[in-house]
Amino acid sequence: MYKQDLEMLRLTRAETVRLGCGITQAQSEFTPARGKWSVGEVLDHLLLAEGYYRRMFAQLIELKKSGVARPVIQHGFDEVNTSIAYIPKSLLPMLELPFTVFNMFVPTPVREVMTQFRIVPAQMPDMAKPRAGRLVAELREELAASYEQTAALFHANPRLNYRDMRYRHPLLGDNHMLQVLRIVSLHERRHQSQIQDVLRARQFPKVA
């Protein structure tokens, strides 16, 4: 039941690695404008985000297998302080209930479209803040390894009902584990277009 969504992540990751393949260290650190991310920073952000959700997947799997507690994880803005548009993060605690109620009426396909395409500006959560200046060769290797680690979680537990495991967040809504896996892929596709913008920038360094 998980293979289709995992394959979506595999194909998405392959495209991300392709976009980052062949660029030099200087190119990976180039930023098109002040306040914009470099390709290297985007790649690191994707690694941090996937790592966060992989740890959450592992927790849900353990909860499901233990049978002691319901396999549900609920995080608020204290744990994941992502925001949209230009809403100050300082206001997020006051918006948890309104966002939670609003998401009850937003269909999953609509949330997925908003995740994949840069229709509404998004503010990254602190836990996925990228680190500048990382070696691009290491980032490429870690991206491939990160997918394998995520895939291993599912392959090790092929008979679990992943739709019974849920992750709840005021902004992301109430999603079962396979929907969250799709969100990871769609979030990465969103940033692929960001990488493409950097690579197409007029000032992008040429290979000497």
Protein backbone atom coordinates (compact mmCIF):
# COMPACT_ATOMS: atom_id res chain seq x y z
CA MET A 1 0.00 0.00 0.00
CA TYR A 2 2.99 2.29 0.38
CA LYS A 3 4.95 1.48 -2.78
CA GLN A 4 3.30 4.03 -5.08
CA ASP A 5 3.93 6.94 -2.69
CA LEU A 6 7.47 5.77 -1.98
CA GLU A 7 8.14 5.55 -5.71
CA MET A 8 6.95 9.14 -6.01
CA LEU A 9 9.64 10.18 -3.53
CA ARG A 10 12.28 8.10 -5.34
CA LEU A 11 11.54 9.76 -8.68
CA THR A 12 11.39 13.19 -7.08
CA ARG A 13 14.73 12.64 -5.36
CA ALA A 14 16.31 11.43 -8.60
CA GLU A 15 15.30 14.71 -10.25
CA THR A 16 16.69 16.74 -7.35
CA VAL A 17 20.02 14.93 -7.59
CA ARG A 18 20.03 15.47 -11.35
CA LEU A 19 19.50 19.21 -10.90
CA GLY A 20 22.41 19.36 -8.47
CA CYS A 21 24.67 17.12 -10.53
CA GLY A 22 27.70 18.66 -12.18
CA ILE A 23 27.62 22.02 -10.43
CA THR A 24 30.79 23.24 -8.78
CA GLN A 25 31.17 24.28 -5.17
CA ALA A 26 31.18 27.95 -6.18
CA GLN A 27 28.01 27.46 -8.20
CA SER A 28 26.34 25.66 -5.30
CA GLU A 29 27.01 28.67 -3.05
CA PHE A 30 25.80 31.31 -5.52
CA THR A 31 22.75 33.30 -4.43
CA PRO A 32 20.82 35.27 -7.06
CA ALA A 33 19.85 38.05 -4.63
CA ARG A 34 20.12 39.03 -1.02
CA GLY A 35 17.90 36.87 1.14
CA LYS A 36 17.62 34.16 -1.52
CA TRP A 37 18.90 30.64 -1.04
CA SER A 38 21.74 29.04 -2.95
CA VAL A 39 21.34 25.60 -4.53
CA GLY A 40 23.39 24.14 -1.68
CA GLU A 41 21.08 25.69 0.90
CA VAL A 42 18.01 24.32 -0.86
CA LEU A 43 19.53 20.83 -0.88
CA ASP A 44 20.40 21.04 2.80
CA HIS A 45 16.89 22.26 3.61
CA LEU A 46 15.42 19.22 1.84
CA LEU A 47 17.70 16.90 3.81
CA LEU A 48 16.70 18.46 7.12
CA ALA A 49 12.99 18.34 6.29
CA GLU A 50 13.09 14.70 5.20
CA GLY A 51 15.11 13.77 8.27
CA TYR A 52 12.48 15.36 10.50
CA TYR A 53 9.62 13.49 8.86
CA ARG A 54 11.57 10.22 8.78
CA ARG A 55 12.01 10.40 12.56
CA MET A 56 8.30 11.06 12.87
CA PHE A 57 7.54 8.06 10.60
CA ALA A 58 9.69 5.87 12.83
CA GLN A 59 7.81 7.06 15.92
CA LEU A 60 4.44 6.32 14.32
CA ILE A 61 5.59 2.84 13.30
CA GLU A 62 6.73 2.09 16.85
CA LEU A 63 3.43 3.35 18.26
CA LYS A 64 1.51 1.16 15.82
CA LYS A 65 3.58 -1.93 16.57
CA SER A 66 3.44 -1.44 20.34
CA GLY A 67 -0.34 -1.30 20.45
CA VAL A 68 -0.07 0.65 23.69
CA ALA A 69 -1.15 4.04 22.34
CA ARG A 70 -2.93 5.29 19.24
CA PRO A 71 -0.46 5.88 16.39
CA VAL A 72 -1.09 9.62 16.27
CA ILE A 73 1.45 12.44 16.56
CA GLN A 74 0.21 15.97 17.00
CA HIS A 75 2.59 18.90 16.71
CA GLY A 76 1.85 22.55 17.13
CA PHE A 77 3.74 25.61 16.01
CA ASP A 78 6.08 25.18 18.97
CA GLU A 79 7.57 22.10 17.28
CA VAL A 80 7.18 23.11 13.61
CA ASN A 81 6.84 26.87 13.26
CA THR A 82 6.29 27.01 9.53
CA SER A 83 4.18 29.92 8.34
CA ILE A 84 2.56 31.16 5.15
CA ALA A 85 2.46 34.48 3.37
CA TYR A 86 3.91 37.12 5.65
CA ILE A 87 2.33 36.08 8.94
CA PRO A 88 4.92 36.76 11.69
CA LYS A 89 5.98 33.59 13.48
CA SER A 90 5.41 35.35 16.79
CA LEU A 91 1.66 35.26 16.04
CA LEU A 92 1.51 31.54 15.22
CA PRO A 93 0.58 30.30 18.73
CA MET A 94 -2.58 32.42 18.58
CA LEU A 95 -3.45 30.98 15.15
CA GLU A 96 -3.27 27.27 15.98
CA LEU A 97 -7.01 26.88 16.53
CA PRO A 98 -8.11 28.97 13.51
CA PHE A 99 -5.70 27.09 11.21
CA THR A 100 -6.79 23.72 12.62
CA VAL A 101 -10.47 24.49 12.03
CA PHE A 102 -9.78 25.95 8.58
CA ASN A 103 -7.89 22.82 7.50
CA MET A 104 -10.87 20.65 8.37
CA PHE A 105 -12.62 22.13 5.34
CA VAL A 106 -9.68 22.20 2.90
CA PRO A 107 -9.65 19.13 0.61
CA THR A 108 -6.41 17.17 0.50
CA PRO A 109 -5.85 17.87 -3.25
CA VAL A 110 -5.99 21.62 -2.56
CA ARG A 111 -3.41 21.34 0.23
CA GLU A 112 -1.20 19.27 -2.06
CA VAL A 113 -1.35 21.87 -4.83
CA MET A 114 -0.42 24.61 -2.36
CA THR A 115 2.48 22.47 -1.14
CA GLN A 116 3.92 21.74 -4.58
CA PHE A 117 3.47 25.09 -6.28
CA ARG A 118 4.67 28.45 -5.02
CA ILE A 119 1.20 29.97 -5.11
CA VAL A 120 1.39 31.22 -1.54
CA PRO A 121 4.75 32.29 -0.06
CA ALA A 122 5.94 29.99 2.70
CA GLN A 123 8.24 30.54 5.65
CA MET A 124 10.46 27.62 6.60
CA PRO A 125 10.33 26.16 10.11
CA ASP A 126 13.38 26.68 12.28
CA MET A 127 14.10 22.93 12.35
CA ALA A 128 14.78 22.97 8.58
CA LYS A 129 16.92 26.11 8.41
CA PRO A 130 19.68 25.34 5.87
CA ARG A 131 23.38 25.57 6.59
CA ALA A 132 25.34 27.63 4.09
CA GLY A 133 28.66 26.53 2.62
CA ARG A 134 28.21 22.76 2.85
CA LEU A 135 30.18 20.68 0.34
CA VAL A 136 27.89 20.03 -2.61
CA ALA A 137 29.41 16.57 -3.20
CA GLU A 138 28.41 15.59 0.33
CA LEU A 139 24.93 16.99 -0.15
CA ARG A 140 24.42 14.87 -3.26
CA GLU A 141 25.57 11.74 -1.44
CA GLU A 142 23.40 12.48 1.59
CA LEU A 143 20.33 13.06 -0.58
CA ALA A 144 20.67 9.60 -2.11
CA ALA A 145 21.34 8.00 1.29
CA SER A 146 18.45 9.86 2.91
CA TYR A 147 15.94 8.39 0.48
CA GLU A 148 17.30 4.90 1.13
CA GLN A 149 16.89 5.39 4.88
CA THR A 150 13.29 6.51 4.43
CA ALA A 151 12.54 3.62 2.07
CA ALA A 152 14.08 1.14 4.52
CA LEU A 153 11.51 2.10 7.17
CA PHE A 154 8.66 1.09 4.89
CA HIS A 155 10.34 -2.00 3.45
CA ALA A 156 11.00 -3.26 6.98
CA ASN A 157 7.30 -3.00 7.81
CA PRO A 158 5.46 -3.95 4.62
CA ARG A 159 2.27 -5.23 6.25
CA LEU A 160 1.45 -2.28 8.47
CA ASN A 161 -1.64 -0.22 7.71
CA TYR A 162 -0.05 3.20 7.22
CA ARG A 163 -3.45 4.86 6.88
CA ASP A 164 -4.03 4.15 10.56
CA MET A 165 -1.04 6.29 11.52
CA ARG A 166 -1.72 10.01 11.58
CA TYR A 167 0.23 13.23 11.86
CA ARG A 168 -1.57 16.42 12.80
CA HIS A 169 -0.34 19.98 12.46
CA PRO A 170 -2.36 23.23 12.37
CA LEU A 171 -1.00 24.24 8.95
CA LEU A 172 -0.56 20.82 7.31
CA GLY A 173 -3.84 19.45 8.57
CA ASP A 174 -4.68 15.91 9.67
CA ASN A 175 -2.95 13.41 7.37
CA HIS A 176 -2.26 9.71 7.47
CA MET A 177 1.33 8.60 7.05
CA LEU A 178 1.17 7.99 3.30
CA GLN A 179 -0.26 11.46 2.77
CA VAL A 180 2.65 12.89 4.74
CA LEU A 181 5.03 10.90 2.54
CA ARG A 182 3.40 12.58 -0.46
CA ILE A 183 3.80 15.97 1.22
CA VAL A 184 7.54 15.30 1.53
CA SER A 185 7.71 14.68 -2.23
CA LEU A 186 5.53 17.67 -3.14
CA HIS A 187 7.54 19.95 -0.86
CA GLU A 188 10.69 18.80 -2.64
CA ARG A 189 9.14 19.47 -6.05
CA ARG A 190 8.33 22.98 -4.90
CA HIS A 191 12.00 23.55 -4.18
CA GLN A 192 13.07 22.00 -7.48
CA SER A 193 11.53 25.00 -9.22
CA GLN A 194 13.51 27.20 -6.84
CA ILE A 195 16.73 25.42 -7.86
CA GLN A 196 15.85 25.89 -11.52
CA ASP A 197 15.39 29.62 -10.95
CA VAL A 198 18.89 29.85 -9.46
CA LEU A 199 20.45 27.85 -12.29
CA ARG A 200 18.77 30.12 -14.86
CA ALA A 201 19.85 33.36 -13.18
CA ARG A 202 21.88 35.63 -15.48
CA GLN A 203 24.61 36.02 -12.88
CA PHE A 204 24.95 32.26 -12.28
CA PRO A 205 28.71 31.51 -12.33
CA LYS A 206 30.07 29.88 -15.46
CA VAL A 207 32.45 26.96 -15.30
CA ALA A 208 35.96 28.25 -15.93
